[in-house]
Amino acid sequence: MKATGIVRRIDDLGRVVIPKEIRRTMRIREGDPLEIYTDREGEVIFKKYSPIGELNSFASQYAETLHKTCDISVIITDRDAVIACAGVPRKDYGEKRISADLEKITDNRSFYRYMPGDRKLSAIDDASGTHFISCAMPILSEGDIIGCVASVLPQNDNGENRNIELEGKLIQTAASFLGRQLE
């Protein structure tokens, strides 16, 4: 645990303000759920709650199945990081923070499809440049954005030799299915 040197008082309603710098660094937005942990030494720890994180093994199996049956490289994310991937190196993508481009796609709540000639968008922040987003669909549950399912292609692929319609339908189906599992 890292000390920040910031001290806050609890108000008469039991509230504590999390400083803006910490909210920005940790990508905590208004309305985000936080889990509260305590330990025997009296520490209180706030951790961002990821509903889709509860489906981690299920999401991994779903990604593996899409990859094996349809030869599609897939990543599944929560609002902040990759929680499951198949067809891409786990060491490069597993638990990596999502890129601003993927965050924007997710926040738009609509399907994204790369078309040849478009700018290639990276899925993760520290992109090593190995893959770009081919299709992406936010995962919605009860109207809330939970995460995103995306197919990715190698950077040297121009995306012309793929079945765009089928790939898009598979990604949309996966996002819809995972969203329903959380309802």
C-alpha atoms as a PDB file:
ATOM      1  CA  MET A   1       0.000   0.000   0.000  1.00  0.00           C
ATOM      2  CA  LYS A   2       1.319   3.456  -0.919  1.00  0.00           C
ATOM      3  CA  ALA A   3       0.864   6.516   1.309  1.00  0.00           C
ATOM      4  CA  THR A   4      -0.391   9.620  -0.504  1.00  0.00           C
ATOM      5  CA  GLY A   5       0.059  12.134   2.310  1.00  0.00           C
ATOM      6  CA  ILE A   6      -3.535  13.287   1.802  1.00  0.00           C
ATOM      7  CA  VAL A   7      -5.757  13.480   4.883  1.00  0.00           C
ATOM      8  CA  ARG A   8      -9.536  13.901   4.743  1.00  0.00           C
ATOM      9  CA  ARG A   9     -12.081  14.267   7.530  1.00  0.00           C
ATOM     10  CA  ILE A  10     -15.360  12.377   7.729  1.00  0.00           C
ATOM     11  CA  ASP A  11     -18.377  14.720   7.618  1.00  0.00           C
ATOM     12  CA  ASP A  12     -21.450  14.484   9.878  1.00  0.00           C
ATOM     13  CA  LEU A  13     -23.120  12.073   7.419  1.00  0.00           C
ATOM     14  CA  GLY A  14     -20.128   9.694   7.417  1.00  0.00           C
ATOM     15  CA  ARG A  15     -18.851  10.741   3.982  1.00  0.00           C
ATOM     16  CA  VAL A  16     -15.253  11.078   2.847  1.00  0.00           C
ATOM     17  CA  VAL A  17     -14.230  12.910  -0.316  1.00  0.00           C
ATOM     18  CA  ILE A  18     -11.770  11.004  -2.494  1.00  0.00           C
ATOM     19  CA  PRO A  19      -9.403  13.625  -3.947  1.00  0.00           C
ATOM     20  CA  LYS A  20      -9.765  14.430  -7.637  1.00  0.00           C
ATOM     21  CA  GLU A  21      -6.157  13.427  -8.406  1.00  0.00           C
ATOM     22  CA  ILE A  22      -6.738   9.945  -6.994  1.00  0.00           C
ATOM     23  CA  ARG A  23     -10.096   9.581  -8.785  1.00  0.00           C
ATOM     24  CA  ARG A  24      -8.466  10.580 -12.081  1.00  0.00           C
ATOM     25  CA  THR A  25      -5.434   8.297 -11.605  1.00  0.00           C
ATOM     26  CA  MET A  26      -7.574   5.330 -10.574  1.00  0.00           C
ATOM     27  CA  ARG A  27     -10.277   6.111 -13.184  1.00  0.00           C
ATOM     28  CA  ILE A  28     -13.004   6.370 -10.567  1.00  0.00           C
ATOM     29  CA  ARG A  29     -16.035   8.090 -12.051  1.00  0.00           C
ATOM     30  CA  GLU A  30     -19.148   9.472 -10.418  1.00  0.00           C
ATOM     31  CA  GLY A  31     -21.485   6.560  -9.698  1.00  0.00           C
ATOM     32  CA  ASP A  32     -18.767   3.867  -9.834  1.00  0.00           C
ATOM     33  CA  PRO A  33     -19.296   1.153  -7.224  1.00  0.00           C
ATOM     34  CA  LEU A  34     -16.540   0.668  -4.652  1.00  0.00           C
ATOM     35  CA  GLU A  35     -16.034  -2.369  -2.414  1.00  0.00           C
ATOM     36  CA  ILE A  36     -15.008  -1.678   1.163  1.00  0.00           C
ATOM     37  CA  TYR A  37     -12.510  -3.943   2.911  1.00  0.00           C
ATOM     38  CA  THR A  38     -11.234  -3.779   6.475  1.00  0.00           C
ATOM     39  CA  ASP A  39      -8.416  -5.561   8.250  1.00  0.00           C
ATOM     40  CA  ARG A  40      -7.451  -6.234  11.851  1.00  0.00           C
ATOM     41  CA  GLU A  41      -5.016  -3.326  11.966  1.00  0.00           C
ATOM     42  CA  GLY A  42      -7.890  -0.882  11.425  1.00  0.00           C
ATOM     43  CA  GLU A  43      -7.238  -0.162   7.752  1.00  0.00           C
ATOM     44  CA  VAL A  44     -10.190   0.620   5.514  1.00  0.00           C
ATOM     45  CA  ILE A  45      -9.554  -0.107   1.835  1.00  0.00           C
ATOM     46  CA  PHE A  46     -11.725   1.009  -1.071  1.00  0.00           C
ATOM     47  CA  LYS A  47     -11.439  -1.097  -4.210  1.00  0.00           C
ATOM     48  CA  LYS A  48     -13.186  -0.511  -7.518  1.00  0.00           C
ATOM     49  CA  TYR A  49     -15.901  -3.114  -7.908  1.00  0.00           C
ATOM     50  CA  SER A  50     -16.041  -4.939 -11.236  1.00  0.00           C
ATOM     51  CA  PRO A  51     -19.285  -6.883 -11.720  1.00  0.00           C
ATOM     52  CA  ILE A  52     -17.856  -8.659 -14.752  1.00  0.00           C
ATOM     53  CA  GLY A  53     -14.834  -9.651 -12.670  1.00  0.00           C
ATOM     54  CA  GLU A  54     -17.158 -12.159 -10.989  1.00  0.00           C
ATOM     55  CA  LEU A  55     -17.550 -13.807 -14.399  1.00  0.00           C
ATOM     56  CA  ASN A  56     -13.800 -13.974 -14.971  1.00  0.00           C
ATOM     57  CA  SER A  57     -13.506 -17.743 -15.546  1.00  0.00           C
ATOM     58  CA  PHE A  58     -16.739 -17.786 -17.559  1.00  0.00           C
ATOM     59  CA  ALA A  59     -15.525 -14.868 -19.702  1.00  0.00           C
ATOM     60  CA  SER A  60     -12.211 -16.666 -20.267  1.00  0.00           C
ATOM     61  CA  GLN A  61     -14.025 -19.799 -21.428  1.00  0.00           C
ATOM     62  CA  TYR A  62     -16.254 -17.748 -23.740  1.00  0.00           C
ATOM     63  CA  ALA A  63     -13.218 -16.006 -25.283  1.00  0.00           C
ATOM     64  CA  GLU A  64     -11.411 -19.351 -25.725  1.00  0.00           C
ATOM     65  CA  THR A  65     -14.466 -20.865 -27.408  1.00  0.00           C
ATOM     66  CA  LEU A  66     -14.802 -17.948 -29.845  1.00  0.00           C
ATOM     67  CA  HIS A  67     -11.118 -18.208 -30.666  1.00  0.00           C
ATOM     68  CA  LYS A  68     -11.098 -21.978 -31.176  1.00  0.00           C
ATOM     69  CA  THR A  69     -14.346 -22.301 -33.137  1.00  0.00           C
ATOM     70  CA  CYS A  70     -14.193 -19.115 -35.226  1.00  0.00           C
ATOM     71  CA  ASP A  71     -10.456 -18.302 -35.283  1.00  0.00           C
ATOM     72  CA  ILE A  72     -11.104 -14.838 -33.830  1.00  0.00           C
ATOM     73  CA  SER A  73      -8.718 -13.204 -31.349  1.00  0.00           C
ATOM     74  CA  VAL A  74     -10.874 -11.837 -28.531  1.00  0.00           C
ATOM     75  CA  ILE A  75     -10.444  -9.661 -25.455  1.00  0.00           C
ATOM     76  CA  ILE A  76     -13.074  -9.096 -22.790  1.00  0.00           C
ATOM     77  CA  THR A  77     -12.727  -6.086 -20.493  1.00  0.00           C
ATOM     78  CA  ASP A  78     -14.377  -4.448 -17.535  1.00  0.00           C
ATOM     79  CA  ARG A  79     -14.461  -0.627 -17.492  1.00  0.00           C
ATOM     80  CA  ASP A  80     -10.721  -0.414 -16.817  1.00  0.00           C
ATOM     81  CA  ALA A  81      -8.744  -3.496 -17.785  1.00  0.00           C
ATOM     82  CA  VAL A  82      -8.658  -6.707 -19.807  1.00  0.00           C
ATOM     83  CA  ILE A  83     -10.132  -9.568 -17.744  1.00  0.00           C
ATOM     84  CA  ALA A  84     -10.008 -12.332 -20.372  1.00  0.00           C
ATOM     85  CA  CYS A  85      -8.322 -12.890 -23.725  1.00  0.00           C
ATOM     86  CA  ALA A  86      -7.805 -15.602 -26.316  1.00  0.00           C
ATOM     87  CA  GLY A  87      -5.731 -15.611 -29.491  1.00  0.00           C
ATOM     88  CA  VAL A  88      -3.394 -12.912 -28.170  1.00  0.00           C
ATOM     89  CA  PRO A  89      -0.490 -13.336 -25.714  1.00  0.00           C
ATOM     90  CA  ARG A  90      -1.839 -13.264 -22.135  1.00  0.00           C
ATOM     91  CA  LYS A  91       1.383 -11.638 -20.936  1.00  0.00           C
ATOM     92  CA  ASP A  92       0.781  -8.723 -23.338  1.00  0.00           C
ATOM     93  CA  TYR A  93      -2.961  -8.301 -22.737  1.00  0.00           C
ATOM     94  CA  GLY A  94      -3.962  -9.961 -19.442  1.00  0.00           C
ATOM     95  CA  GLU A  95      -5.006  -7.403 -16.810  1.00  0.00           C
ATOM     96  CA  LYS A  96      -3.657  -4.494 -18.898  1.00  0.00           C
ATOM     97  CA  ARG A  97      -5.441  -1.145 -18.727  1.00  0.00           C
ATOM     98  CA  ILE A  98      -7.694  -0.428 -21.716  1.00  0.00           C
ATOM     99  CA  SER A  99      -6.782   2.363 -24.130  1.00  0.00           C
ATOM    100  CA  ALA A 100      -8.542   5.727 -24.302  1.00  0.00           C
ATOM    101  CA  ASP A 101      -9.872   4.648 -27.734  1.00  0.00           C
ATOM    102  CA  LEU A 102     -11.512   1.503 -26.332  1.00  0.00           C
ATOM    103  CA  GLU A 103     -12.813   3.471 -23.355  1.00  0.00           C
ATOM    104  CA  LYS A 104     -14.435   5.945 -25.774  1.00  0.00           C
ATOM    105  CA  ILE A 105     -16.015   3.108 -27.800  1.00  0.00           C
ATOM    106  CA  THR A 106     -17.381   1.615 -24.576  1.00  0.00           C
ATOM    107  CA  ASP A 107     -18.729   4.949 -23.320  1.00  0.00           C
ATOM    108  CA  ASN A 108     -20.520   5.500 -26.663  1.00  0.00           C
ATOM    109  CA  ARG A 109     -22.609   2.354 -25.954  1.00  0.00           C
ATOM    110  CA  SER A 110     -22.603   1.360 -29.601  1.00  0.00           C
ATOM    111  CA  PHE A 111     -21.021  -1.219 -31.876  1.00  0.00           C
ATOM    112  CA  TYR A 112     -17.655  -0.349 -33.459  1.00  0.00           C
ATOM    113  CA  ARG A 113     -16.257  -1.923 -36.627  1.00  0.00           C
ATOM    114  CA  TYR A 114     -12.893  -1.252 -38.265  1.00  0.00           C
ATOM    115  CA  MET A 115     -13.077  -0.750 -41.996  1.00  0.00           C
ATOM    116  CA  PRO A 116      -9.968  -0.928 -44.238  1.00  0.00           C
ATOM    117  CA  GLY A 117      -8.491   2.549 -44.476  1.00  0.00           C
ATOM    118  CA  ASP A 118      -9.656   3.621 -40.986  1.00  0.00           C
ATOM    119  CA  ARG A 119      -7.158   4.521 -38.270  1.00  0.00           C
ATOM    120  CA  LYS A 120      -6.133   1.375 -36.367  1.00  0.00           C
ATOM    121  CA  LEU A 121      -7.155   1.690 -32.709  1.00  0.00           C
ATOM    122  CA  SER A 122      -5.215  -0.054 -29.962  1.00  0.00           C
ATOM    123  CA  ALA A 123      -7.132  -1.975 -27.291  1.00  0.00           C
ATOM    124  CA  ILE A 124      -4.700  -1.426 -24.411  1.00  0.00           C
ATOM    125  CA  ASP A 125      -2.809   1.527 -22.967  1.00  0.00           C
ATOM    126  CA  ASP A 126       0.741   0.248 -23.201  1.00  0.00           C
ATOM    127  CA  ALA A 127       0.188  -1.026 -26.697  1.00  0.00           C
ATOM    128  CA  SER A 128       3.174  -2.879 -27.961  1.00  0.00           C
ATOM    129  CA  GLY A 129       1.667  -2.381 -31.382  1.00  0.00           C
ATOM    130  CA  THR A 130       0.870  -6.045 -31.963  1.00  0.00           C
ATOM    131  CA  HIS A 131      -2.935  -5.858 -32.476  1.00  0.00           C
ATOM    132  CA  PHE A 132      -5.708  -3.369 -33.240  1.00  0.00           C
ATOM    133  CA  ILE A 133      -9.471  -3.395 -32.622  1.00  0.00           C
ATOM    134  CA  SER A 134     -11.452  -5.065 -35.396  1.00  0.00           C
ATOM    135  CA  CYS A 135     -14.914  -5.056 -33.766  1.00  0.00           C
ATOM    136  CA  ALA A 136     -16.033  -3.968 -30.312  1.00  0.00           C
ATOM    137  CA  MET A 137     -19.324  -4.009 -28.440  1.00  0.00           C
ATOM    138  CA  PRO A 138     -19.926  -2.663 -24.936  1.00  0.00           C
ATOM    139  CA  ILE A 139     -21.357  -5.058 -22.365  1.00  0.00           C
ATOM    140  CA  LEU A 140     -24.509  -3.549 -20.876  1.00  0.00           C
ATOM    141  CA  SER A 141     -26.383  -4.888 -17.873  1.00  0.00           C
ATOM    142  CA  GLU A 142     -29.588  -3.240 -16.659  1.00  0.00           C
ATOM    143  CA  GLY A 143     -28.611  -0.095 -18.573  1.00  0.00           C
ATOM    144  CA  ASP A 144     -25.147   0.180 -17.004  1.00  0.00           C
ATOM    145  CA  ILE A 145     -21.892  -0.172 -18.930  1.00  0.00           C
ATOM    146  CA  ILE A 146     -20.040  -3.136 -17.467  1.00  0.00           C
ATOM    147  CA  GLY A 147     -17.223  -3.669 -19.960  1.00  0.00           C
ATOM    148  CA  CYS A 148     -16.574  -4.553 -23.581  1.00  0.00           C
ATOM    149  CA  VAL A 149     -16.001  -7.509 -25.900  1.00  0.00           C
ATOM    150  CA  ALA A 150     -13.607  -6.849 -28.768  1.00  0.00           C
ATOM    151  CA  SER A 151     -12.043  -8.832 -31.564  1.00  0.00           C
ATOM    152  CA  VAL A 152      -8.519  -7.809 -32.492  1.00  0.00           C
ATOM    153  CA  LEU A 153      -6.317  -8.277 -35.554  1.00  0.00           C
ATOM    154  CA  PRO A 154      -2.517  -8.216 -35.899  1.00  0.00           C
ATOM    155  CA  GLN A 155      -1.165  -4.784 -36.907  1.00  0.00           C
ATOM    156  CA  ASN A 156       0.149  -6.176 -40.199  1.00  0.00           C
ATOM    157  CA  ASP A 157      -3.361  -7.391 -41.169  1.00  0.00           C
ATOM    158  CA  ASN A 158      -5.358  -4.992 -43.314  1.00  0.00           C
ATOM    159  CA  GLY A 159      -8.658  -6.522 -42.225  1.00  0.00           C
ATOM    160  CA  GLU A 160      -9.835  -7.252 -45.763  1.00  0.00           C
ATOM    161  CA  ASN A 161      -9.854 -11.066 -45.546  1.00  0.00           C
ATOM    162  CA  ARG A 162     -12.402 -11.421 -42.757  1.00  0.00           C
ATOM    163  CA  ASN A 163     -16.110 -12.072 -42.681  1.00  0.00           C
ATOM    164  CA  ILE A 164     -17.053  -8.663 -41.296  1.00  0.00           C
ATOM    165  CA  GLU A 165     -20.740  -9.440 -40.789  1.00  0.00           C
ATOM    166  CA  LEU A 166     -20.176 -12.750 -38.985  1.00  0.00           C
ATOM    167  CA  GLU A 167     -17.411 -11.361 -36.784  1.00  0.00           C
ATOM    168  CA  GLY A 168     -19.590  -8.398 -35.824  1.00  0.00           C
ATOM    169  CA  LYS A 169     -22.566 -10.627 -34.967  1.00  0.00           C
ATOM    170  CA  LEU A 170     -20.386 -12.919 -32.841  1.00  0.00           C
ATOM    171  CA  ILE A 171     -18.957  -9.986 -30.857  1.00  0.00           C
ATOM    172  CA  GLN A 172     -22.413  -8.448 -30.365  1.00  0.00           C
ATOM    173  CA  THR A 173     -23.804 -11.822 -29.253  1.00  0.00           C
ATOM    174  CA  ALA A 174     -20.967 -12.321 -26.766  1.00  0.00           C
ATOM    175  CA  ALA A 175     -21.490  -8.843 -25.253  1.00  0.00           C
ATOM    176  CA  SER A 176     -25.242  -9.357 -25.001  1.00  0.00           C
ATOM    177  CA  PHE A 177     -24.853 -12.807 -23.458  1.00  0.00           C
ATOM    178  CA  LEU A 178     -22.320 -11.647 -20.844  1.00  0.00           C
ATOM    179  CA  GLY A 179     -24.539  -8.657 -19.985  1.00  0.00           C
ATOM    180  CA  ARG A 180     -27.509 -10.953 -19.377  1.00  0.00           C
ATOM    181  CA  GLN A 181     -25.439 -13.187 -17.097  1.00  0.00           C
ATOM    182  CA  LEU A 182     -25.046 -10.208 -14.758  1.00  0.00           C
ATOM    183  CA  GLU A 183     -28.760  -9.327 -14.558  1.00  0.00           C
END
